[in-house]
Every structure is written in C-alpha cells, then in structure tokens.
PDB file of all heavy atoms in Angstrom:
ATOM      1  N   PRO A   1       5.856   3.950   3.382  1.00  0.00           N
ATOM      2  CA  PRO A   1       4.445   4.030   3.216  1.00  0.00           C
ATOM      3  C   PRO A   1       3.628   4.427   4.571  1.00  0.00           C
ATOM      4  O   PRO A   1       4.037   3.901   5.624  1.00  0.00           O
ATOM      5  CB  PRO A   1       4.055   2.602   2.791  1.00  0.00           C
ATOM      6  CG  PRO A   1       5.046   1.820   3.219  1.00  0.00           C
ATOM      7  CD  PRO A   1       6.473   2.616   3.319  1.00  0.00           C
ATOM      8  N   SER A   2       2.764   5.313   4.495  1.00  0.00           N
ATOM      9  CA  SER A   2       1.962   5.748   5.713  1.00  0.00           C
ATOM     10  C   SER A   2       0.700   4.935   5.714  1.00  0.00           C
ATOM     11  O   SER A   2      -0.125   5.096   4.709  1.00  0.00           O
ATOM     12  CB  SER A   2       1.748   7.186   5.661  1.00  0.00           C
ATOM     13  OG  SER A   2       0.752   7.648   6.364  1.00  0.00           O
ATOM     14  N   ALA A   3       0.406   4.274   6.739  1.00  0.00           N
ATOM     15  CA  ALA A   3      -0.955   3.561   6.762  1.00  0.00           C
ATOM     16  C   ALA A   3      -2.132   4.568   6.643  1.00  0.00           C
ATOM     17  O   ALA A   3      -3.096   4.281   5.996  1.00  0.00           O
ATOM     18  CB  ALA A   3      -1.006   2.830   8.146  1.00  0.00           C
ATOM     19  N   ALA A   4      -1.864   5.722   7.377  1.00  0.00           N
ATOM     20  CA  ALA A   4      -3.046   6.704   7.260  1.00  0.00           C
ATOM     21  C   ALA A   4      -3.289   7.241   5.795  1.00  0.00           C
ATOM     22  O   ALA A   4      -4.486   7.357   5.369  1.00  0.00           O
ATOM     23  CB  ALA A   4      -2.769   7.867   8.134  1.00  0.00           C
ATOM     24  N   LEU A   5      -2.221   7.466   5.035  1.00  0.00           N
ATOM     25  CA  LEU A   5      -2.318   7.909   3.654  1.00  0.00           C
ATOM     26  C   LEU A   5      -2.747   6.916   2.768  1.00  0.00           C
ATOM     27  O   LEU A   5      -3.562   7.154   1.934  1.00  0.00           O
ATOM     28  CB  LEU A   5      -0.993   8.493   3.204  1.00  0.00           C
ATOM     29  CG  LEU A   5      -0.521   9.838   3.950  1.00  0.00           C
ATOM     30  CD1 LEU A   5       0.794  10.320   3.318  1.00  0.00           C
ATOM     31  CD2 LEU A   5      -1.575  10.901   3.912  1.00  0.00           C
ATOM     32  N   VAL A   6      -2.348   5.670   2.935  1.00  0.00           N
ATOM     33  CA  VAL A   6      -2.938   4.516   2.137  1.00  0.00           C
ATOM     34  C   VAL A   6      -4.370   4.302   2.340  1.00  0.00           C
ATOM     35  O   VAL A   6      -5.182   4.227   1.438  1.00  0.00           O
ATOM     36  CB  VAL A   6      -2.155   3.290   2.497  1.00  0.00           C
ATOM     37  CG1 VAL A   6      -2.801   2.012   1.846  1.00  0.00           C
ATOM     38  CG2 VAL A   6      -0.651   3.333   1.905  1.00  0.00           C
ATOM     39  N   ALA A   7      -4.839   4.449   3.628  1.00  0.00           N
ATOM     40  CA  ALA A   7      -6.231   4.331   3.978  1.00  0.00           C
ATOM     41  C   ALA A   7      -7.053   5.536   3.195  1.00  0.00           C
ATOM     42  O   ALA A   7      -8.159   5.213   2.715  1.00  0.00           O
ATOM     43  CB  ALA A   7      -6.399   4.421   5.464  1.00  0.00           C
ATOM     44  N   LYS A   8      -6.500   6.664   3.223  1.00  0.00           N
ATOM     45  CA  LYS A   8      -7.273   7.839   2.668  1.00  0.00           C
ATOM     46  C   LYS A   8      -7.315   7.555   1.099  1.00  0.00           C
ATOM     47  O   LYS A   8      -8.320   7.795   0.425  1.00  0.00           O
ATOM     48  CB  LYS A   8      -6.413   9.143   2.880  1.00  0.00           C
ATOM     49  CG  LYS A   8      -6.731   9.782   4.200  1.00  0.00           C
ATOM     50  CD  LYS A   8      -5.998  11.036   4.432  1.00  0.00           C
ATOM     51  CE  LYS A   8      -6.216  11.566   5.782  1.00  0.00           C
ATOM     52  NZ  LYS A   8      -5.705  12.989   6.028  1.00  0.00           N
ATOM     53  N   LEU A   9      -6.305   7.095   0.548  1.00  0.00           N
ATOM     54  CA  LEU A   9      -6.355   6.887  -0.821  1.00  0.00           C
ATOM     55  C   LEU A   9      -7.344   5.768  -1.183  1.00  0.00           C
ATOM     56  O   LEU A   9      -8.186   5.876  -2.151  1.00  0.00           O
ATOM     57  CB  LEU A   9      -4.913   6.327  -1.438  1.00  0.00           C
ATOM     58  CG  LEU A   9      -3.860   7.368  -1.507  1.00  0.00           C
ATOM     59  CD1 LEU A   9      -2.505   6.735  -1.524  1.00  0.00           C
ATOM     60  CD2 LEU A   9      -4.026   8.293  -2.673  1.00  0.00           C
ATOM     61  N   LYS A  10      -7.339   4.665  -0.402  1.00  0.00           N
ATOM     62  CA  LYS A  10      -8.258   3.504  -0.642  1.00  0.00           C
ATOM     63  C   LYS A  10      -9.666   4.028  -0.444  1.00  0.00           C
ATOM     64  O   LYS A  10     -10.544   3.649  -1.219  1.00  0.00           O
ATOM     65  CB  LYS A  10      -7.837   2.354   0.168  1.00  0.00           C
ATOM     66  CG  LYS A  10      -6.553   1.713  -0.225  1.00  0.00           C
ATOM     67  CD  LYS A  10      -6.265   0.541   0.598  1.00  0.00           C
ATOM     68  CE  LYS A  10      -7.048  -0.688   0.304  1.00  0.00           C
ATOM     69  NZ  LYS A  10      -7.006  -1.225  -1.029  1.00  0.00           N
ATOM     70  N   ASP A  11      -9.843   4.757   0.606  1.00  0.00           N
ATOM     71  CA  ASP A  11     -11.314   5.270   0.925  1.00  0.00           C
ATOM     72  C   ASP A  11     -11.731   6.120  -0.192  1.00  0.00           C
ATOM     73  O   ASP A  11     -12.991   6.247  -0.427  1.00  0.00           O
ATOM     74  CB  ASP A  11     -11.281   6.077   2.257  1.00  0.00           C
ATOM     75  CG  ASP A  11     -11.140   5.173   3.477  1.00  0.00           C
ATOM     76  OD1 ASP A  11     -11.316   4.015   3.378  1.00  0.00           O
ATOM     77  OD2 ASP A  11     -10.899   5.652   4.613  1.00  0.00           O
ATOM     78  N   GLY A  12     -10.847   6.826  -0.868  1.00  0.00           N
ATOM     79  CA  GLY A  12     -11.226   7.659  -2.012  1.00  0.00           C
ATOM     80  C   GLY A  12     -11.259   6.963  -3.388  1.00  0.00           C
ATOM     81  O   GLY A  12     -11.479   7.624  -4.373  1.00  0.00           O
ATOM     82  N   GLY A  13     -11.074   5.702  -3.428  1.00  0.00           N
ATOM     83  CA  GLY A  13     -11.228   4.857  -4.657  1.00  0.00           C
ATOM     84  C   GLY A  13      -9.925   4.893  -5.423  1.00  0.00           C
ATOM     85  O   GLY A  13     -10.019   4.453  -6.690  1.00  0.00           O
ATOM     86  N   VAL A  14      -8.859   5.266  -4.925  1.00  0.00           N
ATOM     87  CA  VAL A  14      -7.594   5.275  -5.664  1.00  0.00           C
ATOM     88  C   VAL A  14      -6.851   3.905  -5.369  1.00  0.00           C
ATOM     89  O   VAL A  14      -6.774   3.475  -4.218  1.00  0.00           O
ATOM     90  CB  VAL A  14      -6.625   6.460  -5.210  1.00  0.00           C
ATOM     91  CG1 VAL A  14      -5.309   6.450  -6.020  1.00  0.00           C
ATOM     92  CG2 VAL A  14      -7.446   7.734  -5.416  1.00  0.00           C
ATOM     93  N   LEU A  15      -6.492   3.260  -6.391  1.00  0.00           N
ATOM     94  CA  LEU A  15      -5.668   2.033  -6.337  1.00  0.00           C
ATOM     95  C   LEU A  15      -4.268   2.358  -5.770  1.00  0.00           C
ATOM     96  O   LEU A  15      -3.583   3.236  -6.352  1.00  0.00           O
ATOM     97  CB  LEU A  15      -5.587   1.257  -7.625  1.00  0.00           C
ATOM     98  CG  LEU A  15      -6.890   0.683  -8.173  1.00  0.00           C
ATOM     99  CD1 LEU A  15      -6.684   0.109  -9.599  1.00  0.00           C
ATOM    100  CD2 LEU A  15      -7.479  -0.338  -7.372  1.00  0.00           C
ATOM    101  N   CYS A  16      -3.860   1.658  -4.830  1.00  0.00           N
ATOM    102  CA  CYS A  16      -2.379   1.808  -4.283  1.00  0.00           C
ATOM    103  C   CYS A  16      -1.504   0.782  -4.889  1.00  0.00           C
ATOM    104  O   CYS A  16      -1.613  -0.383  -4.831  1.00  0.00           O
ATOM    105  CB  CYS A  16      -2.502   1.627  -2.822  1.00  0.00           C
ATOM    106  SG  CYS A  16      -3.467   2.804  -1.995  1.00  0.00           S
ATOM    107  N   MET A  17      -0.406   1.294  -5.563  1.00  0.00           N
ATOM    108  CA  MET A  17       0.553   0.506  -6.243  1.00  0.00           C
ATOM    109  C   MET A  17       2.036   0.908  -5.901  1.00  0.00           C
ATOM    110  O   MET A  17       2.710   1.657  -6.556  1.00  0.00           O
ATOM    111  CB  MET A  17       0.408   0.744  -7.844  1.00  0.00           C
ATOM    112  CG  MET A  17       1.260  -0.312  -8.572  1.00  0.00           C
ATOM    113  SD  MET A  17       1.049  -0.174 -10.380  1.00  0.00           S
ATOM    114  CE  MET A  17       1.811   1.362 -10.769  1.00  0.00           C
ATOM    115  N   PRO A  18       2.454   0.456  -4.727  1.00  0.00           N
ATOM    116  CA  PRO A  18       3.890   0.905  -4.257  1.00  0.00           C
ATOM    117  C   PRO A  18       4.891   0.011  -5.086  1.00  0.00           C
ATOM    118  O   PRO A  18       4.590  -1.049  -5.572  1.00  0.00           O
ATOM    119  CB  PRO A  18       3.841   0.396  -2.820  1.00  0.00           C
ATOM    120  CG  PRO A  18       2.914  -0.653  -2.776  1.00  0.00           C
ATOM    121  CD  PRO A  18       1.757  -0.314  -3.652  1.00  0.00           C
ATOM    122  N   THR A  19       6.125   0.504  -5.135  1.00  0.00           N
ATOM    123  CA  THR A  19       7.257  -0.149  -5.655  1.00  0.00           C
ATOM    124  C   THR A  19       7.951  -0.730  -4.521  1.00  0.00           C
ATOM    125  O   THR A  19       8.244  -0.099  -3.444  1.00  0.00           O
ATOM    126  CB  THR A  19       8.154   0.754  -6.463  1.00  0.00           C
ATOM    127  OG1 THR A  19       7.394   1.335  -7.505  1.00  0.00           O
ATOM    128  CG2 THR A  19       9.477   0.114  -6.975  1.00  0.00           C
ATOM    129  N   VAL A  20       8.414  -1.890  -4.620  1.00  0.00           N
ATOM    130  CA  VAL A  20       9.114  -2.730  -3.520  1.00  0.00           C
ATOM    131  C   VAL A  20      10.398  -3.356  -4.117  1.00  0.00           C
ATOM    132  O   VAL A  20      10.487  -3.632  -5.276  1.00  0.00           O
ATOM    133  CB  VAL A  20       8.256  -3.767  -2.920  1.00  0.00           C
ATOM    134  CG1 VAL A  20       6.934  -3.164  -2.201  1.00  0.00           C
ATOM    135  CG2 VAL A  20       7.787  -4.851  -3.915  1.00  0.00           C
ATOM    136  N   GLY A  21      11.428  -3.571  -3.236  1.00  0.00           N
ATOM    137  CA  GLY A  21      12.610  -4.091  -3.622  1.00  0.00           C
ATOM    138  C   GLY A  21      13.109  -5.248  -2.797  1.00  0.00           C
ATOM    139  O   GLY A  21      14.182  -5.767  -2.813  1.00  0.00           O
ATOM    140  N   ALA A  22      12.186  -5.777  -1.963  1.00  0.00           N
ATOM    141  CA  ALA A  22      12.420  -6.889  -1.067  1.00  0.00           C
ATOM    142  C   ALA A  22      11.028  -7.629  -0.823  1.00  0.00           C
ATOM    143  O   ALA A  22      10.077  -6.926  -0.657  1.00  0.00           O
ATOM    144  CB  ALA A  22      13.192  -6.491   0.170  1.00  0.00           C
ATOM    145  N   VAL A  23      11.201  -8.878  -0.381  1.00  0.00           N
ATOM    146  CA  VAL A  23       9.983  -9.589  -0.116  1.00  0.00           C
ATOM    147  C   VAL A  23       9.281  -9.050   1.210  1.00  0.00           C
ATOM    148  O   VAL A  23       8.042  -8.854   1.234  1.00  0.00           O
ATOM    149  CB  VAL A  23      10.307 -11.058   0.154  1.00  0.00           C
ATOM    150  CG1 VAL A  23       9.137 -11.905   0.720  1.00  0.00           C
ATOM    151  CG2 VAL A  23      10.767 -11.801  -1.095  1.00  0.00           C
ATOM    152  N   ALA A  24      10.160  -8.565   2.154  1.00  0.00           N
ATOM    153  CA  ALA A  24       9.555  -7.983   3.316  1.00  0.00           C
ATOM    154  C   ALA A  24       8.880  -6.600   3.111  1.00  0.00           C
ATOM    155  O   ALA A  24       7.811  -6.382   3.730  1.00  0.00           O
ATOM    156  CB  ALA A  24      10.827  -7.758   4.362  1.00  0.00           C
ATOM    157  N   HIS A  25       9.350  -5.894   2.132  1.00  0.00           N
ATOM    158  CA  HIS A  25       8.734  -4.620   1.720  1.00  0.00           C
ATOM    159  C   HIS A  25       7.460  -4.889   1.039  1.00  0.00           C
ATOM    160  O   HIS A  25       6.283  -4.326   1.260  1.00  0.00           O
ATOM    161  CB  HIS A  25       9.486  -3.794   0.661  1.00  0.00           C
ATOM    162  CG  HIS A  25      10.839  -3.384   1.224  1.00  0.00           C
ATOM    163  ND1 HIS A  25      11.756  -3.174   0.378  1.00  0.00           N
ATOM    164  CD2 HIS A  25      11.347  -3.295   2.519  1.00  0.00           C
ATOM    165  CE1 HIS A  25      12.933  -2.849   1.114  1.00  0.00           C
ATOM    166  NE2 HIS A  25      12.624  -2.983   2.337  1.00  0.00           N
ATOM    167  N   ALA A  26       7.301  -6.028   0.236  1.00  0.00           N
ATOM    168  CA  ALA A  26       6.110  -6.426  -0.505  1.00  0.00           C
ATOM    169  C   ALA A  26       5.049  -6.894   0.624  1.00  0.00           C
ATOM    170  O   ALA A  26       3.890  -6.474   0.430  1.00  0.00           O
ATOM    171  CB  ALA A  26       6.415  -7.628  -1.428  1.00  0.00           C
ATOM    172  N   THR A  27       5.406  -7.703   1.519  1.00  0.00           N
ATOM    173  CA  THR A  27       4.466  -8.200   2.448  1.00  0.00           C
ATOM    174  C   THR A  27       3.784  -7.126   3.302  1.00  0.00           C
ATOM    175  O   THR A  27       2.741  -7.009   3.696  1.00  0.00           O
ATOM    176  CB  THR A  27       4.948  -9.290   3.267  1.00  0.00           C
ATOM    177  OG1 THR A  27       6.103  -9.055   3.962  1.00  0.00           O
ATOM    178  CG2 THR A  27       5.197 -10.653   2.427  1.00  0.00           C
ATOM    179  N   LYS A  28       4.709  -6.147   3.727  1.00  0.00           N
ATOM    180  CA  LYS A  28       4.249  -4.942   4.434  1.00  0.00           C
ATOM    181  C   LYS A  28       3.405  -4.082   3.649  1.00  0.00           C
ATOM    182  O   LYS A  28       2.309  -3.651   4.167  1.00  0.00           O
ATOM    183  CB  LYS A  28       5.535  -4.165   4.868  1.00  0.00           C
ATOM    184  CG  LYS A  28       5.161  -2.826   5.780  1.00  0.00           C
ATOM    185  CD  LYS A  28       6.317  -2.102   6.076  1.00  0.00           C
ATOM    186  CE  LYS A  28       5.908  -0.792   6.918  1.00  0.00           C
ATOM    187  NZ  LYS A  28       7.018  -0.054   7.287  1.00  0.00           N
ATOM    188  N   ALA A  29       3.767  -3.982   2.517  1.00  0.00           N
ATOM    189  CA  ALA A  29       2.879  -3.032   1.598  1.00  0.00           C
ATOM    190  C   ALA A  29       1.468  -3.614   1.388  1.00  0.00           C
ATOM    191  O   ALA A  29       0.450  -2.946   1.549  1.00  0.00           O
ATOM    192  CB  ALA A  29       3.508  -2.895   0.206  1.00  0.00           C
ATOM    193  N   VAL A  30       1.350  -4.946   1.212  1.00  0.00           N
ATOM    194  CA  VAL A  30       0.090  -5.639   1.189  1.00  0.00           C
ATOM    195  C   VAL A  30      -0.583  -5.538   2.302  1.00  0.00           C
ATOM    196  O   VAL A  30      -1.920  -5.252   2.420  1.00  0.00           O
ATOM    197  CB  VAL A  30       0.212  -7.042   0.527  1.00  0.00           C
ATOM    198  CG1 VAL A  30      -1.076  -7.823   0.625  1.00  0.00           C
ATOM    199  CG2 VAL A  30       0.846  -7.037  -0.823  1.00  0.00           C
ATOM    200  N   ALA A  31       0.074  -5.727   3.462  1.00  0.00           N
ATOM    201  CA  ALA A  31      -0.671  -5.548   4.871  1.00  0.00           C
ATOM    202  C   ALA A  31      -1.178  -4.151   5.017  1.00  0.00           C
ATOM    203  O   ALA A  31      -2.187  -4.037   5.651  1.00  0.00           O
ATOM    204  CB  ALA A  31       0.314  -5.983   5.858  1.00  0.00           C
ATOM    205  N   LEU A  32      -0.513  -3.253   4.511  1.00  0.00           N
ATOM    206  CA  LEU A  32      -1.010  -1.800   4.585  1.00  0.00           C
ATOM    207  C   LEU A  32      -2.090  -1.519   3.646  1.00  0.00           C
ATOM    208  O   LEU A  32      -2.713  -0.432   3.698  1.00  0.00           O
ATOM    209  CB  LEU A  32       0.111  -0.821   4.351  1.00  0.00           C
ATOM    210  CG  LEU A  32       1.174  -0.779   5.602  1.00  0.00           C
ATOM    211  CD1 LEU A  32       2.303   0.109   5.167  1.00  0.00           C
ATOM    212  CD2 LEU A  32       0.452  -0.178   6.976  1.00  0.00           C
ATOM    213  N   GLY A  33      -2.410  -2.378   2.617  1.00  0.00           N
ATOM    214  CA  GLY A  33      -3.482  -2.181   1.726  1.00  0.00           C
ATOM    215  C   GLY A  33      -3.110  -2.022   0.268  1.00  0.00           C
ATOM    216  O   GLY A  33      -4.055  -1.740  -0.509  1.00  0.00           O
ATOM    217  N   ALA A  34      -1.901  -2.313  -0.069  1.00  0.00           N
ATOM    218  CA  ALA A  34      -1.614  -2.225  -1.543  1.00  0.00           C
ATOM    219  C   ALA A  34      -2.514  -3.132  -2.349  1.00  0.00           C
ATOM    220  O   ALA A  34      -2.746  -4.281  -2.050  1.00  0.00           O
ATOM    221  CB  ALA A  34      -0.119  -2.645  -1.805  1.00  0.00           C
ATOM    222  N   ASP A  35      -2.985  -2.474  -3.445  1.00  0.00           N
ATOM    223  CA  ASP A  35      -3.859  -3.288  -4.463  1.00  0.00           C
ATOM    224  C   ASP A  35      -3.002  -3.916  -5.551  1.00  0.00           C
ATOM    225  O   ASP A  35      -3.424  -4.993  -5.997  1.00  0.00           O
ATOM    226  CB  ASP A  35      -4.830  -2.351  -5.083  1.00  0.00           C
ATOM    227  CG  ASP A  35      -5.638  -1.662  -4.155  1.00  0.00           C
ATOM    228  OD1 ASP A  35      -6.378  -2.261  -3.609  1.00  0.00           O
ATOM    229  OD2 ASP A  35      -5.431  -0.383  -3.991  1.00  0.00           O
ATOM    230  N   LEU A  36      -1.859  -3.444  -5.845  1.00  0.00           N
ATOM    231  CA  LEU A  36      -0.896  -4.008  -6.795  1.00  0.00           C
ATOM    232  C   LEU A  36       0.392  -3.736  -6.335  1.00  0.00           C
ATOM    233  O   LEU A  36       0.589  -2.744  -5.465  1.00  0.00           O
ATOM    234  CB  LEU A  36      -1.093  -3.188  -8.179  1.00  0.00           C
ATOM    235  CG  LEU A  36      -2.535  -3.067  -8.630  1.00  0.00           C
ATOM    236  CD1 LEU A  36      -2.686  -1.755  -9.422  1.00  0.00           C
ATOM    237  CD2 LEU A  36      -2.780  -4.191  -9.788  1.00  0.00           C
TER     238      LEU A  36
END
C-alpha cells in the first residue's frame, strides 16, 4: 500500500478496503488510513 495513493483516495471520498493476511499487515493498513 502506498501512503500517497491511500491519501488521494481518501481525499477523493473513496473508502479504502485493503486485503490483509497478517495482524501486522492489518495494523499497518489502518495506520495508513484503511476504512475497512
């Protein structure tokens, strides 16, 4: 996941929903702005 691309999505009103396969991936995704 790219922090810059996640920010552009969020600024544009798009919900960010990454797929994760580990707890570390989940916490990183949320820190970057994942909504779901």
